[in-house]
C-alpha cells in the first residue's frame, strides 16, 4: 500500500510500538506466503490489504488518514 513504516514512526505518525506490533502480527500470520505472492504481483499499487490480513483495520485506517503520494 506504499507505506514506509520506519519513516512514519520517525515522523511520529505511527508509534514505534504500533509499528512493532504490526510486524509481529505479519510474522505470525498464517497467510504470509499468499500475502507475499499478492504483494509481489502488485508492486506498483495495492488498493487495500486482503481481508485475512491481521493488520487490515490499521492499514485501511492509515490509507484514509494519511496524505496519498501523487
N, C-alpha and C. Protein backbone atom coordinates (compact mmCIF):
# COMPACT_ATOMS: atom_id res chain seq x y z
N UNK A 1 0.82 -1.19 0.00
CA UNK A 1 0.00 0.00 0.00
C UNK A 1 0.86 1.25 0.00
N UNK A 2 2.17 1.05 -0.05
CA UNK A 2 3.06 2.18 -0.21
C UNK A 2 3.49 2.87 1.07
N UNK A 3 3.29 2.24 2.21
CA UNK A 3 3.68 2.88 3.47
C UNK A 3 5.12 2.55 3.83
N UNK A 4 5.87 3.56 4.24
CA UNK A 4 7.21 3.37 4.79
C UNK A 4 7.06 3.50 6.30
N UNK A 5 6.88 2.37 6.98
CA UNK A 5 6.56 2.41 8.40
C UNK A 5 7.70 2.93 9.26
N UNK A 6 8.94 2.71 8.84
CA UNK A 6 10.06 3.28 9.59
C UNK A 6 9.99 4.81 9.53
N UNK A 7 9.71 5.35 8.36
CA UNK A 7 9.60 6.80 8.21
C UNK A 7 8.39 7.33 8.98
N UNK A 8 7.26 6.63 8.91
CA UNK A 8 6.07 7.06 9.66
C UNK A 8 6.35 7.08 11.16
N UNK A 9 7.10 6.10 11.65
CA UNK A 9 7.45 6.06 13.07
C UNK A 9 8.40 7.21 13.42
N UNK A 10 9.38 7.46 12.56
CA UNK A 10 10.33 8.56 12.81
C UNK A 10 9.63 9.91 12.86
N UNK A 11 8.61 10.07 12.02
CA UNK A 11 7.86 11.34 11.99
C UNK A 11 6.79 11.41 13.07
N UNK A 12 6.62 10.33 13.82
CA UNK A 12 5.63 10.31 14.90
C UNK A 12 4.21 10.09 14.42
N UNK A 13 4.04 9.66 13.18
CA UNK A 13 2.70 9.43 12.64
C UNK A 13 2.15 8.06 13.03
N UNK A 14 3.04 7.12 13.23
CA UNK A 14 2.67 5.79 13.72
C UNK A 14 3.64 5.50 14.87
N UNK A 15 3.11 5.28 16.07
CA UNK A 15 4.00 4.99 17.20
C UNK A 15 4.88 3.77 16.93
N UNK A 16 6.11 3.83 17.39
CA UNK A 16 7.05 2.72 17.21
C UNK A 16 6.45 1.41 17.73
N UNK A 17 5.75 1.48 18.86
CA UNK A 17 5.12 0.28 19.44
C UNK A 17 4.11 -0.33 18.46
N UNK A 18 3.32 0.52 17.83
CA UNK A 18 2.33 0.05 16.85
C UNK A 18 3.04 -0.59 15.66
N UNK A 19 4.10 0.04 15.20
CA UNK A 19 4.89 -0.50 14.10
C UNK A 19 5.39 -1.90 14.44
N UNK A 20 5.94 -2.06 15.64
CA UNK A 20 6.45 -3.36 16.07
C UNK A 20 5.33 -4.40 16.21
N UNK A 21 4.18 -3.97 16.71
CA UNK A 21 3.04 -4.88 16.84
C UNK A 21 2.56 -5.34 15.47
N UNK A 22 2.54 -4.43 14.52
CA UNK A 22 2.12 -4.79 13.16
C UNK A 22 3.10 -5.80 12.55
N UNK A 23 4.38 -5.58 12.76
CA UNK A 23 5.39 -6.51 12.23
C UNK A 23 5.22 -7.89 12.86
N UNK A 24 4.95 -7.93 14.16
CA UNK A 24 4.76 -9.21 14.85
C UNK A 24 3.53 -9.94 14.31
N UNK A 25 2.46 -9.19 14.07
CA UNK A 25 1.24 -9.80 13.51
C UNK A 25 1.53 -10.38 12.12
N UNK A 26 2.27 -9.65 11.33
CA UNK A 26 2.60 -10.11 9.98
C UNK A 26 3.46 -11.38 10.06
N UNK A 27 4.45 -11.38 10.93
CA UNK A 27 5.34 -12.53 11.05
C UNK A 27 4.60 -13.79 11.50
N UNK A 28 3.56 -13.63 12.32
CA UNK A 28 2.84 -14.80 12.84
C UNK A 28 1.62 -15.17 11.99
N UNK A 29 1.37 -14.43 10.94
CA UNK A 29 0.19 -14.66 10.09
C UNK A 29 0.32 -15.98 9.32
N UNK A 30 -0.76 -16.73 9.30
CA UNK A 30 -0.78 -17.99 8.56
C UNK A 30 -0.86 -17.78 7.05
N UNK A 31 -1.22 -16.58 6.62
CA UNK A 31 -1.34 -16.28 5.20
C UNK A 31 -0.13 -15.57 4.62
N UNK A 32 1.02 -15.66 5.27
CA UNK A 32 2.21 -14.92 4.83
C UNK A 32 2.62 -15.23 3.39
N UNK A 33 2.65 -16.51 3.03
CA UNK A 33 3.08 -16.87 1.68
C UNK A 33 2.11 -16.34 0.63
N UNK A 34 0.82 -16.50 0.90
CA UNK A 34 -0.20 -15.99 -0.02
C UNK A 34 -0.09 -14.46 -0.13
N UNK A 35 0.13 -13.83 0.99
CA UNK A 35 0.26 -12.37 1.03
C UNK A 35 1.49 -11.93 0.23
N UNK A 36 2.61 -12.62 0.41
CA UNK A 36 3.83 -12.26 -0.31
C UNK A 36 3.63 -12.37 -1.81
N UNK A 37 2.94 -13.42 -2.25
CA UNK A 37 2.66 -13.57 -3.69
C UNK A 37 1.80 -12.40 -4.19
N UNK A 38 0.81 -12.02 -3.39
CA UNK A 38 -0.06 -10.91 -3.78
C UNK A 38 0.74 -9.60 -3.84
N UNK A 39 1.60 -9.38 -2.85
CA UNK A 39 2.43 -8.17 -2.84
C UNK A 39 3.39 -8.15 -4.03
N UNK A 40 3.99 -9.29 -4.34
CA UNK A 40 4.89 -9.37 -5.48
C UNK A 40 4.17 -9.08 -6.80
N UNK A 41 2.94 -9.53 -6.91
CA UNK A 41 2.16 -9.33 -8.13
C UNK A 41 1.63 -7.90 -8.27
N UNK A 42 1.60 -7.16 -7.17
CA UNK A 42 1.04 -5.81 -7.17
C UNK A 42 2.04 -4.79 -6.64
N UNK A 43 3.28 -4.86 -7.12
CA UNK A 43 4.34 -3.99 -6.60
C UNK A 43 4.03 -2.51 -6.76
N UNK A 44 3.39 -2.15 -7.84
CA UNK A 44 3.15 -0.74 -8.11
C UNK A 44 2.00 -0.15 -7.31
N UNK A 45 0.99 -0.97 -7.01
CA UNK A 45 -0.18 -0.40 -6.36
C UNK A 45 -1.01 -1.49 -5.69
N UNK A 46 -1.44 -1.20 -4.50
CA UNK A 46 -2.35 -2.10 -3.79
C UNK A 46 -3.40 -1.21 -3.14
N UNK A 47 -4.64 -1.39 -3.54
CA UNK A 47 -5.72 -0.54 -3.04
C UNK A 47 -6.06 -0.78 -1.59
N UNK A 48 -6.01 -2.03 -1.17
CA UNK A 48 -6.42 -2.38 0.19
C UNK A 48 -5.74 -3.67 0.61
N UNK A 49 -5.56 -3.84 1.91
CA UNK A 49 -4.99 -5.10 2.37
C UNK A 49 -6.02 -6.22 2.17
N UNK A 50 -5.55 -7.45 2.07
CA UNK A 50 -6.50 -8.56 1.95
C UNK A 50 -7.34 -8.68 3.22
N UNK A 51 -8.53 -9.22 3.07
CA UNK A 51 -9.44 -9.31 4.22
C UNK A 51 -8.89 -10.18 5.33
N UNK A 52 -8.04 -11.15 5.00
CA UNK A 52 -7.47 -12.03 6.03
C UNK A 52 -6.31 -11.39 6.79
N UNK A 53 -5.86 -10.23 6.37
CA UNK A 53 -4.69 -9.58 6.97
C UNK A 53 -4.97 -9.19 8.42
N UNK A 54 -4.08 -9.60 9.35
CA UNK A 54 -4.29 -9.22 10.75
C UNK A 54 -4.10 -7.73 10.99
N UNK A 55 -3.51 -7.02 10.03
CA UNK A 55 -3.33 -5.58 10.14
C UNK A 55 -4.32 -4.81 9.26
N UNK A 56 -5.35 -5.49 8.80
CA UNK A 56 -6.31 -4.91 7.87
C UNK A 56 -6.89 -3.59 8.38
N UNK A 57 -7.35 -3.57 9.61
CA UNK A 57 -8.01 -2.36 10.13
C UNK A 57 -7.06 -1.17 10.18
N UNK A 58 -5.87 -1.37 10.71
CA UNK A 58 -4.96 -0.22 10.82
C UNK A 58 -4.45 0.21 9.45
N UNK A 59 -4.19 -0.73 8.55
CA UNK A 59 -3.76 -0.35 7.20
C UNK A 59 -4.85 0.42 6.47
N UNK A 60 -6.08 -0.01 6.61
CA UNK A 60 -7.20 0.70 5.98
C UNK A 60 -7.36 2.09 6.58
N UNK A 61 -7.21 2.20 7.89
CA UNK A 61 -7.29 3.50 8.56
C UNK A 61 -6.18 4.42 8.05
N UNK A 62 -4.95 3.92 8.00
CA UNK A 62 -3.83 4.74 7.54
C UNK A 62 -4.03 5.21 6.11
N UNK A 63 -4.58 4.35 5.28
CA UNK A 63 -4.82 4.75 3.88
C UNK A 63 -5.78 5.93 3.82
N UNK A 64 -6.80 5.91 4.69
CA UNK A 64 -7.77 7.02 4.72
C UNK A 64 -7.18 8.26 5.40
N UNK A 65 -6.37 8.07 6.42
CA UNK A 65 -5.93 9.18 7.27
C UNK A 65 -4.69 9.92 6.75
N UNK A 66 -3.81 9.22 6.08
CA UNK A 66 -2.56 9.84 5.64
C UNK A 66 -2.69 10.40 4.24
N UNK A 67 -1.97 11.49 3.97
CA UNK A 67 -1.98 12.04 2.61
C UNK A 67 -1.41 11.01 1.63
N UNK A 68 -2.01 10.94 0.48
CA UNK A 68 -1.58 9.99 -0.54
C UNK A 68 -0.49 10.61 -1.40
N UNK A 69 0.51 9.78 -1.78
CA UNK A 69 1.56 10.24 -2.70
C UNK A 69 0.94 10.49 -4.06
N UNK A 70 1.44 11.51 -4.74
CA UNK A 70 0.94 11.80 -6.10
C UNK A 70 2.04 11.68 -7.10
